[in-house]
Amino acid sequence: MSGKCLAIITARGGSKRIPRKNIKEFLGFPIIKYSIDAALGAGCFDEVMISTDDKEIAEIATSFGAKLPFFRSETTSNDYAMTADVIEEVLLEYKSRGSNFEYCCCIYPTAPFVSSQRLLEGYNLLTSTDADAVIPVVRFSYPIQRAIKIEQETLEMMWPENLNARSQDLVPAYHDCGQFYWLKVDNFFKQKKLFAEHTVPLIVPEIEVQDIDTEEDWKIAEMKYRFINNL
């Protein structure tokens, strides 16, 4: 393994849409455990840490093996703090304590489909190419060029010119899986963003992806997880 590598699991306490989302039970365990297990199992991290402002989250995360060298500041604990702000704060705090990292991976705490294998694939992509960042993405199952909007209770195409286009002639579109972000630390400090100038995709199948923002999303994610893991 080349340079030092840090996993940052971001888990503030103030989730609004699903209260206590980061430690809510997902198929028998606090959901954050799945992210911690994946990071610890990947074998590429020198340290797996939790960035939180919440004592209960901290206790649960550390009980599953994550480190808590310091708590998150008030500035990065509010509703307006961006993920990049949290990562910068963590890296600077480590640096002030004499620990520098060449690579880091921000892992979301409500991403039960994150696996050690995918994290390692992302790491290998980042370290074997000249990429600034690696982001897992999933292909839209339906061509976004045929998206429909509602205008005054009437359906209209977003891009009418694609009405009669064949699906196979439309460029495939992808979206962020919302699971993890691999970064080269030096480039991150220069650009201060997750979607860096040279970001390489890690394409993930749709069965491994589920956005979890509502209670309905949560149920769908549990069904998917059971299916994938034959539970």
C-alpha atoms as a PDB file:
ATOM      1  CA  MET A   1       0.000   0.000   0.000  1.00  0.00           C
ATOM      2  CA  SER A   2       1.391   3.410  -0.896  1.00  0.00           C
ATOM      3  CA  GLY A   3       0.547   6.510   1.174  1.00  0.00           C
ATOM      4  CA  LYS A   4      -1.355   6.771   4.429  1.00  0.00           C
ATOM      5  CA  CYS A   5      -5.090   6.452   4.032  1.00  0.00           C
ATOM      6  CA  LEU A   6      -7.970   7.712   6.204  1.00  0.00           C
ATOM      7  CA  ALA A   7     -11.645   6.738   6.248  1.00  0.00           C
ATOM      8  CA  ILE A   8     -13.967   9.509   7.447  1.00  0.00           C
ATOM      9  CA  ILE A   9     -17.498   8.413   8.334  1.00  0.00           C
ATOM     10  CA  THR A  10     -19.616  11.548   8.600  1.00  0.00           C
ATOM     11  CA  ALA A  11     -22.475  11.246  11.095  1.00  0.00           C
ATOM     12  CA  ARG A  12     -23.882  14.360  12.695  1.00  0.00           C
ATOM     13  CA  GLY A  13     -26.733  14.073  15.141  1.00  0.00           C
ATOM     14  CA  GLY A  14     -29.262  16.466  13.662  1.00  0.00           C
ATOM     15  CA  SER A  15     -30.965  14.446  10.926  1.00  0.00           C
ATOM     16  CA  LYS A  16     -34.415  15.902  10.200  1.00  0.00           C
ATOM     17  CA  ARG A  17     -36.350  13.737   7.707  1.00  0.00           C
ATOM     18  CA  ILE A  18     -35.621  10.492   9.581  1.00  0.00           C
ATOM     19  CA  PRO A  19     -34.889  11.286  13.261  1.00  0.00           C
ATOM     20  CA  ARG A  20     -31.664   9.694  14.575  1.00  0.00           C
ATOM     21  CA  LYS A  21     -31.168   8.319  11.098  1.00  0.00           C
ATOM     22  CA  ASN A  22     -27.484   7.529  11.490  1.00  0.00           C
ATOM     23  CA  ILE A  23     -28.070   5.032  14.299  1.00  0.00           C
ATOM     24  CA  LYS A  24     -31.581   3.857  13.420  1.00  0.00           C
ATOM     25  CA  GLU A  25     -31.878   0.077  13.364  1.00  0.00           C
ATOM     26  CA  PHE A  26     -31.429  -1.453   9.911  1.00  0.00           C
ATOM     27  CA  LEU A  27     -32.184  -5.184   9.914  1.00  0.00           C
ATOM     28  CA  GLY A  28     -31.127  -5.600  13.530  1.00  0.00           C
ATOM     29  CA  PHE A  29     -28.144  -3.236  13.752  1.00  0.00           C
ATOM     30  CA  PRO A  30     -27.571   0.533  13.849  1.00  0.00           C
ATOM     31  CA  ILE A  31     -27.215   1.458  10.189  1.00  0.00           C
ATOM     32  CA  ILE A  32     -23.827   3.100  10.766  1.00  0.00           C
ATOM     33  CA  LYS A  33     -22.373  -0.333  11.585  1.00  0.00           C
ATOM     34  CA  TYR A  34     -22.544  -1.356   7.919  1.00  0.00           C
ATOM     35  CA  SER A  35     -20.302   1.535   6.841  1.00  0.00           C
ATOM     36  CA  ILE A  36     -17.840   0.889   9.668  1.00  0.00           C
ATOM     37  CA  ASP A  37     -17.664  -2.833   8.883  1.00  0.00           C
ATOM     38  CA  ALA A  38     -17.048  -2.150   5.189  1.00  0.00           C
ATOM     39  CA  ALA A  39     -14.251   0.313   5.954  1.00  0.00           C
ATOM     40  CA  LEU A  40     -12.560  -1.950   8.492  1.00  0.00           C
ATOM     41  CA  GLY A  41     -12.826  -4.912   6.141  1.00  0.00           C
ATOM     42  CA  ALA A  42     -11.372  -3.116   3.124  1.00  0.00           C
ATOM     43  CA  GLY A  43      -7.832  -3.392   4.434  1.00  0.00           C
ATOM     44  CA  CYS A  44      -6.638  -0.168   2.821  1.00  0.00           C
ATOM     45  CA  PHE A  45      -7.165   2.286   5.699  1.00  0.00           C
ATOM     46  CA  ASP A  46      -4.624   3.258   8.333  1.00  0.00           C
ATOM     47  CA  GLU A  47      -7.481   4.655  10.409  1.00  0.00           C
ATOM     48  CA  VAL A  48     -11.284   4.540  10.298  1.00  0.00           C
ATOM     49  CA  MET A  49     -12.729   7.517  12.155  1.00  0.00           C
ATOM     50  CA  ILE A  50     -16.161   8.891  12.928  1.00  0.00           C
ATOM     51  CA  SER A  51     -16.851  12.609  12.547  1.00  0.00           C
ATOM     52  CA  THR A  52     -19.811  13.491  14.762  1.00  0.00           C
ATOM     53  CA  ASP A  53     -21.117  16.056  17.221  1.00  0.00           C
ATOM     54  CA  ASP A  54     -23.303  13.511  18.993  1.00  0.00           C
ATOM     55  CA  LYS A  55     -22.226  11.484  22.053  1.00  0.00           C
ATOM     56  CA  GLU A  56     -24.646   8.611  21.451  1.00  0.00           C
ATOM     57  CA  ILE A  57     -23.517   8.231  17.836  1.00  0.00           C
ATOM     58  CA  ALA A  58     -19.916   8.386  19.028  1.00  0.00           C
ATOM     59  CA  GLU A  59     -20.462   5.619  21.597  1.00  0.00           C
ATOM     60  CA  ILE A  60     -22.175   3.344  19.090  1.00  0.00           C
ATOM     61  CA  ALA A  61     -19.602   3.960  16.341  1.00  0.00           C
ATOM     62  CA  THR A  62     -16.626   3.326  18.607  1.00  0.00           C
ATOM     63  CA  SER A  63     -18.250   0.154  19.945  1.00  0.00           C
ATOM     64  CA  PHE A  64     -18.097  -1.193  16.384  1.00  0.00           C
ATOM     65  CA  GLY A  65     -14.436  -0.271  15.928  1.00  0.00           C
ATOM     66  CA  ALA A  66     -14.343   3.289  14.588  1.00  0.00           C
ATOM     67  CA  LYS A  67     -11.980   5.834  16.166  1.00  0.00           C
ATOM     68  CA  LEU A  68     -13.115   9.121  17.710  1.00  0.00           C
ATOM     69  CA  PRO A  69     -10.016  11.303  18.102  1.00  0.00           C
ATOM     70  CA  PHE A  70     -12.133  14.488  18.383  1.00  0.00           C
ATOM     71  CA  PHE A  71     -15.708  15.726  18.060  1.00  0.00           C
ATOM     72  CA  ARG A  72     -17.013  17.783  15.176  1.00  0.00           C
ATOM     73  CA  SER A  73     -17.179  21.560  15.668  1.00  0.00           C
ATOM     74  CA  GLU A  74     -20.412  23.566  15.865  1.00  0.00           C
ATOM     75  CA  THR A  75     -19.571  25.151  12.511  1.00  0.00           C
ATOM     76  CA  THR A  76     -19.698  21.826  10.667  1.00  0.00           C
ATOM     77  CA  SER A  77     -22.650  20.457  12.664  1.00  0.00           C
ATOM     78  CA  ASN A  78     -25.392  22.723  11.343  1.00  0.00           C
ATOM     79  CA  ASP A  79     -27.798  22.118   8.460  1.00  0.00           C
ATOM     80  CA  TYR A  80     -25.757  24.252   6.068  1.00  0.00           C
ATOM     81  CA  ALA A  81     -22.337  22.631   6.446  1.00  0.00           C
ATOM     82  CA  MET A  82     -21.237  20.801   3.321  1.00  0.00           C
ATOM     83  CA  THR A  83     -19.514  17.428   3.301  1.00  0.00           C
ATOM     84  CA  ALA A  84     -16.369  19.062   1.918  1.00  0.00           C
ATOM     85  CA  ASP A  85     -16.310  21.369   4.959  1.00  0.00           C
ATOM     86  CA  VAL A  86     -16.405  18.371   7.289  1.00  0.00           C
ATOM     87  CA  ILE A  87     -13.602  16.592   5.428  1.00  0.00           C
ATOM     88  CA  GLU A  88     -11.433  19.702   5.461  1.00  0.00           C
ATOM     89  CA  GLU A  89     -11.962  20.168   9.195  1.00  0.00           C
ATOM     90  CA  VAL A  90     -11.039  16.544   9.913  1.00  0.00           C
ATOM     91  CA  LEU A  91      -7.898  16.588   7.769  1.00  0.00           C
ATOM     92  CA  LEU A  92      -6.715  19.891   9.241  1.00  0.00           C
ATOM     93  CA  GLU A  93      -7.283  18.661  12.791  1.00  0.00           C
ATOM     94  CA  TYR A  94      -5.273  15.515  12.086  1.00  0.00           C
ATOM     95  CA  LYS A  95      -2.561  17.654  10.508  1.00  0.00           C
ATOM     96  CA  SER A  96      -2.387  19.855  13.609  1.00  0.00           C
ATOM     97  CA  ARG A  97      -1.805  16.672  15.615  1.00  0.00           C
ATOM     98  CA  GLY A  98       1.030  15.570  13.357  1.00  0.00           C
ATOM     99  CA  SER A  99      -0.887  13.059  11.217  1.00  0.00           C
ATOM    100  CA  ASN A 100      -0.932  13.561   7.460  1.00  0.00           C
ATOM    101  CA  PHE A 101      -2.691  11.405   4.900  1.00  0.00           C
ATOM    102  CA  GLU A 102      -2.155  10.992   1.180  1.00  0.00           C
ATOM    103  CA  TYR A 103      -5.632   9.591   0.520  1.00  0.00           C
ATOM    104  CA  CYS A 104      -8.958   9.790   2.271  1.00  0.00           C
ATOM    105  CA  CYS A 105     -12.387   8.332   1.734  1.00  0.00           C
ATOM    106  CA  CYS A 106     -15.542   9.979   3.006  1.00  0.00           C
ATOM    107  CA  ILE A 107     -18.147   7.287   3.714  1.00  0.00           C
ATOM    108  CA  TYR A 108     -21.752   8.113   4.510  1.00  0.00           C
ATOM    109  CA  PRO A 109     -23.189   6.455   7.622  1.00  0.00           C
ATOM    110  CA  THR A 110     -26.509   5.507   6.021  1.00  0.00           C
ATOM    111  CA  ALA A 111     -25.117   3.478   3.142  1.00  0.00           C
ATOM    112  CA  PRO A 112     -25.646  -0.206   4.035  1.00  0.00           C
ATOM    113  CA  PHE A 113     -24.830  -1.293   0.482  1.00  0.00           C
ATOM    114  CA  VAL A 114     -21.255  -0.036   0.735  1.00  0.00           C
ATOM    115  CA  SER A 115     -18.952  -3.053   0.663  1.00  0.00           C
ATOM    116  CA  SER A 116     -15.285  -3.594   1.409  1.00  0.00           C
ATOM    117  CA  GLN A 117     -14.896  -4.749  -2.191  1.00  0.00           C
ATOM    118  CA  ARG A 118     -16.280  -1.515  -3.677  1.00  0.00           C
ATOM    119  CA  LEU A 119     -14.177   0.611  -1.324  1.00  0.00           C
ATOM    120  CA  LEU A 120     -11.076  -1.298  -2.377  1.00  0.00           C
ATOM    121  CA  GLU A 121     -12.007  -0.955  -6.059  1.00  0.00           C
ATOM    122  CA  GLY A 122     -12.276   2.804  -5.535  1.00  0.00           C
ATOM    123  CA  TYR A 123      -8.930   2.905  -3.758  1.00  0.00           C
ATOM    124  CA  ASN A 124      -7.230   0.991  -6.554  1.00  0.00           C
ATOM    125  CA  LEU A 125      -8.727   3.318  -9.166  1.00  0.00           C
ATOM    126  CA  LEU A 126      -7.527   6.386  -7.281  1.00  0.00           C
ATOM    127  CA  THR A 127      -4.007   5.129  -6.672  1.00  0.00           C
ATOM    128  CA  SER A 128      -3.426   3.614 -10.110  1.00  0.00           C
ATOM    129  CA  THR A 129      -4.555   6.621 -12.163  1.00  0.00           C
ATOM    130  CA  ASP A 130      -3.988  10.369 -12.225  1.00  0.00           C
ATOM    131  CA  ALA A 131      -7.513  10.968 -10.891  1.00  0.00           C
ATOM    132  CA  ASP A 132      -8.121  13.606  -8.235  1.00  0.00           C
ATOM    133  CA  ALA A 133     -11.182  11.725  -6.983  1.00  0.00           C
ATOM    134  CA  VAL A 134     -13.254   8.573  -7.488  1.00  0.00           C
ATOM    135  CA  ILE A 135     -17.040   8.567  -7.069  1.00  0.00           C
ATOM    136  CA  PRO A 136     -19.349   5.536  -7.350  1.00  0.00           C
ATOM    137  CA  VAL A 137     -22.145   6.189  -9.826  1.00  0.00           C
ATOM    138  CA  VAL A 138     -25.189   4.299 -11.074  1.00  0.00           C
ATOM    139  CA  ARG A 139     -26.845   4.527 -14.459  1.00  0.00           C
ATOM    140  CA  PHE A 140     -30.355   5.974 -14.646  1.00  0.00           C
ATOM    141  CA  SER A 141     -32.702   3.115 -15.516  1.00  0.00           C
ATOM    142  CA  TYR A 142     -34.738   5.354 -17.838  1.00  0.00           C
ATOM    143  CA  PRO A 143     -33.312   7.909 -20.329  1.00  0.00           C
ATOM    144  CA  ILE A 144     -33.308  11.286 -18.583  1.00  0.00           C
ATOM    145  CA  GLN A 145     -33.559  12.945 -22.004  1.00  0.00           C
ATOM    146  CA  ARG A 146     -37.214  11.845 -21.974  1.00  0.00           C
ATOM    147  CA  ALA A 147     -37.956  13.348 -18.579  1.00  0.00           C
ATOM    148  CA  ILE A 148     -41.426  14.810 -18.113  1.00  0.00           C
ATOM    149  CA  LYS A 149     -42.447  17.857 -16.095  1.00  0.00           C
ATOM    150  CA  ILE A 150     -45.824  19.097 -14.922  1.00  0.00           C
ATOM    151  CA  GLU A 151     -46.764  22.604 -16.037  1.00  0.00           C
ATOM    152  CA  GLN A 152     -50.152  23.900 -14.831  1.00  0.00           C
ATOM    153  CA  GLU A 153     -51.373  20.341 -14.252  1.00  0.00           C
ATOM    154  CA  THR A 154     -50.371  19.302 -17.768  1.00  0.00           C
ATOM    155  CA  LEU A 155     -47.584  16.912 -18.724  1.00  0.00           C
ATOM    156  CA  GLU A 156     -44.825  18.345 -20.893  1.00  0.00           C
ATOM    157  CA  MET A 157     -41.494  16.942 -21.976  1.00  0.00           C
ATOM    158  CA  MET A 158     -38.395  18.589 -20.552  1.00  0.00           C
ATOM    159  CA  TRP A 159     -36.692  18.153 -23.932  1.00  0.00           C
ATOM    160  CA  PRO A 160     -39.386  17.754 -26.649  1.00  0.00           C
ATOM    161  CA  GLU A 161     -36.759  17.189 -29.326  1.00  0.00           C
ATOM    162  CA  ASN A 162     -36.183  13.714 -27.848  1.00  0.00           C
ATOM    163  CA  LEU A 163     -39.810  12.593 -28.162  1.00  0.00           C
ATOM    164  CA  ASN A 164     -39.151  10.265 -31.073  1.00  0.00           C
ATOM    165  CA  ALA A 165     -35.496   9.456 -30.368  1.00  0.00           C
ATOM    166  CA  ARG A 166     -34.615   5.803 -29.918  1.00  0.00           C
ATOM    167  CA  SER A 167     -33.442   4.898 -26.406  1.00  0.00           C
ATOM    168  CA  GLN A 168     -30.267   3.329 -27.768  1.00  0.00           C
ATOM    169  CA  ASP A 169     -29.376   6.602 -29.495  1.00  0.00           C
ATOM    170  CA  LEU A 170     -29.491   8.629 -26.259  1.00  0.00           C
ATOM    171  CA  VAL A 171     -26.337   9.099 -24.202  1.00  0.00           C
ATOM    172  CA  PRO A 172     -26.497   7.083 -20.944  1.00  0.00           C
ATOM    173  CA  ALA A 173     -26.751   9.269 -17.843  1.00  0.00           C
ATOM    174  CA  TYR A 174     -25.507   8.456 -14.338  1.00  0.00           C
ATOM    175  CA  HIS A 175     -25.961   9.828 -10.846  1.00  0.00           C
ATOM    176  CA  ASP A 176     -23.956   9.788  -7.625  1.00  0.00           C
ATOM    177  CA  CYS A 177     -24.690   6.696  -5.526  1.00  0.00           C
ATOM    178  CA  GLY A 178     -24.434   8.752  -2.331  1.00  0.00           C
ATOM    179  CA  GLN A 179     -22.180   6.188  -0.666  1.00  0.00           C
ATOM    180  CA  PHE A 180     -18.535   7.268  -0.583  1.00  0.00           C
ATOM    181  CA  TYR A 181     -15.958   9.624  -2.111  1.00  0.00           C
ATOM    182  CA  TRP A 182     -12.299   8.804  -2.603  1.00  0.00           C
ATOM    183  CA  LEU A 183      -9.948  11.797  -2.639  1.00  0.00           C
ATOM    184  CA  LYS A 184      -6.282  12.568  -3.058  1.00  0.00           C
ATOM    185  CA  VAL A 185      -5.705  14.847  -0.092  1.00  0.00           C
ATOM    186  CA  ASP A 186      -3.304  17.331  -1.722  1.00  0.00           C
ATOM    187  CA  ASN A 187      -5.693  17.896  -4.616  1.00  0.00           C
ATOM    188  CA  PHE A 188      -8.644  18.183  -2.244  1.00  0.00           C
ATOM    189  CA  PHE A 189      -6.952  21.004  -0.334  1.00  0.00           C
ATOM    190  CA  LYS A 190      -6.357  22.808  -3.628  1.00  0.00           C
ATOM    191  CA  GLN A 191      -9.909  22.398  -4.972  1.00  0.00           C
ATOM    192  CA  LYS A 192     -11.991  22.052  -1.773  1.00  0.00           C
ATOM    193  CA  LYS A 193     -14.650  19.931  -3.457  1.00  0.00           C
ATOM    194  CA  LEU A 194     -15.681  16.288  -3.754  1.00  0.00           C
ATOM    195  CA  PHE A 195     -16.424  16.448  -7.474  1.00  0.00           C
ATOM    196  CA  ALA A 196     -12.877  17.354  -8.421  1.00  0.00           C
ATOM    197  CA  GLU A 197     -11.606  18.517 -11.802  1.00  0.00           C
ATOM    198  CA  HIS A 198     -10.515  15.001 -12.735  1.00  0.00           C
ATOM    199  CA  THR A 199     -13.026  12.632 -11.156  1.00  0.00           C
ATOM    200  CA  VAL A 200     -13.115   8.992 -12.277  1.00  0.00           C
ATOM    201  CA  PRO A 201     -16.345   6.963 -12.047  1.00  0.00           C
ATOM    202  CA  LEU A 202     -16.756   3.639 -10.310  1.00  0.00           C
ATOM    203  CA  ILE A 203     -19.880   2.211 -11.963  1.00  0.00           C
ATOM    204  CA  VAL A 204     -22.085   0.296  -9.521  1.00  0.00           C
ATOM    205  CA  PRO A 205     -25.138  -1.840 -10.427  1.00  0.00           C
ATOM    206  CA  GLU A 206     -28.539  -0.448  -9.468  1.00  0.00           C
ATOM    207  CA  ILE A 207     -29.262  -3.344  -7.086  1.00  0.00           C
ATOM    208  CA  GLU A 208     -26.472  -2.015  -4.819  1.00  0.00           C
ATOM    209  CA  VAL A 209     -27.853   1.515  -4.647  1.00  0.00           C
ATOM    210  CA  GLN A 210     -30.702   3.026  -2.654  1.00  0.00           C
ATOM    211  CA  ASP A 211     -31.131   6.636  -1.569  1.00  0.00           C
ATOM    212  CA  ILE A 212     -32.514   6.646   1.974  1.00  0.00           C
ATOM    213  CA  ASP A 213     -34.315   9.895   2.757  1.00  0.00           C
ATOM    214  CA  THR A 214     -37.776   8.712   3.802  1.00  0.00           C
ATOM    215  CA  GLU A 215     -39.315   5.866   5.775  1.00  0.00           C
ATOM    216  CA  GLU A 216     -40.422   4.334   2.471  1.00  0.00           C
ATOM    217  CA  ASP A 217     -36.834   4.468   1.188  1.00  0.00           C
ATOM    218  CA  TRP A 218     -35.763   2.698   4.372  1.00  0.00           C
ATOM    219  CA  LYS A 219     -38.167  -0.187   3.790  1.00  0.00           C
ATOM    220  CA  ILE A 220     -37.097  -0.538   0.165  1.00  0.00           C
ATOM    221  CA  ALA A 221     -33.437  -0.575   1.222  1.00  0.00           C
ATOM    222  CA  GLU A 222     -34.100  -3.347   3.726  1.00  0.00           C
ATOM    223  CA  MET A 223     -35.880  -5.411   1.069  1.00  0.00           C
ATOM    224  CA  LYS A 224     -32.986  -4.924  -1.361  1.00  0.00           C
ATOM    225  CA  TYR A 225     -30.438  -5.816   1.296  1.00  0.00           C
ATOM    226  CA  ARG A 226     -32.304  -9.010   2.188  1.00  0.00           C
ATOM    227  CA  PHE A 227     -32.472  -9.977  -1.483  1.00  0.00           C
ATOM    228  CA  ILE A 228     -28.763  -9.350  -2.154  1.00  0.00           C
ATOM    229  CA  ASN A 229     -27.636 -11.199   0.959  1.00  0.00           C
ATOM    230  CA  ASN A 230     -30.226 -14.002   0.853  1.00  0.00           C
ATOM    231  CA  LEU A 231     -31.617 -13.083   4.271  1.00  0.00           C
END
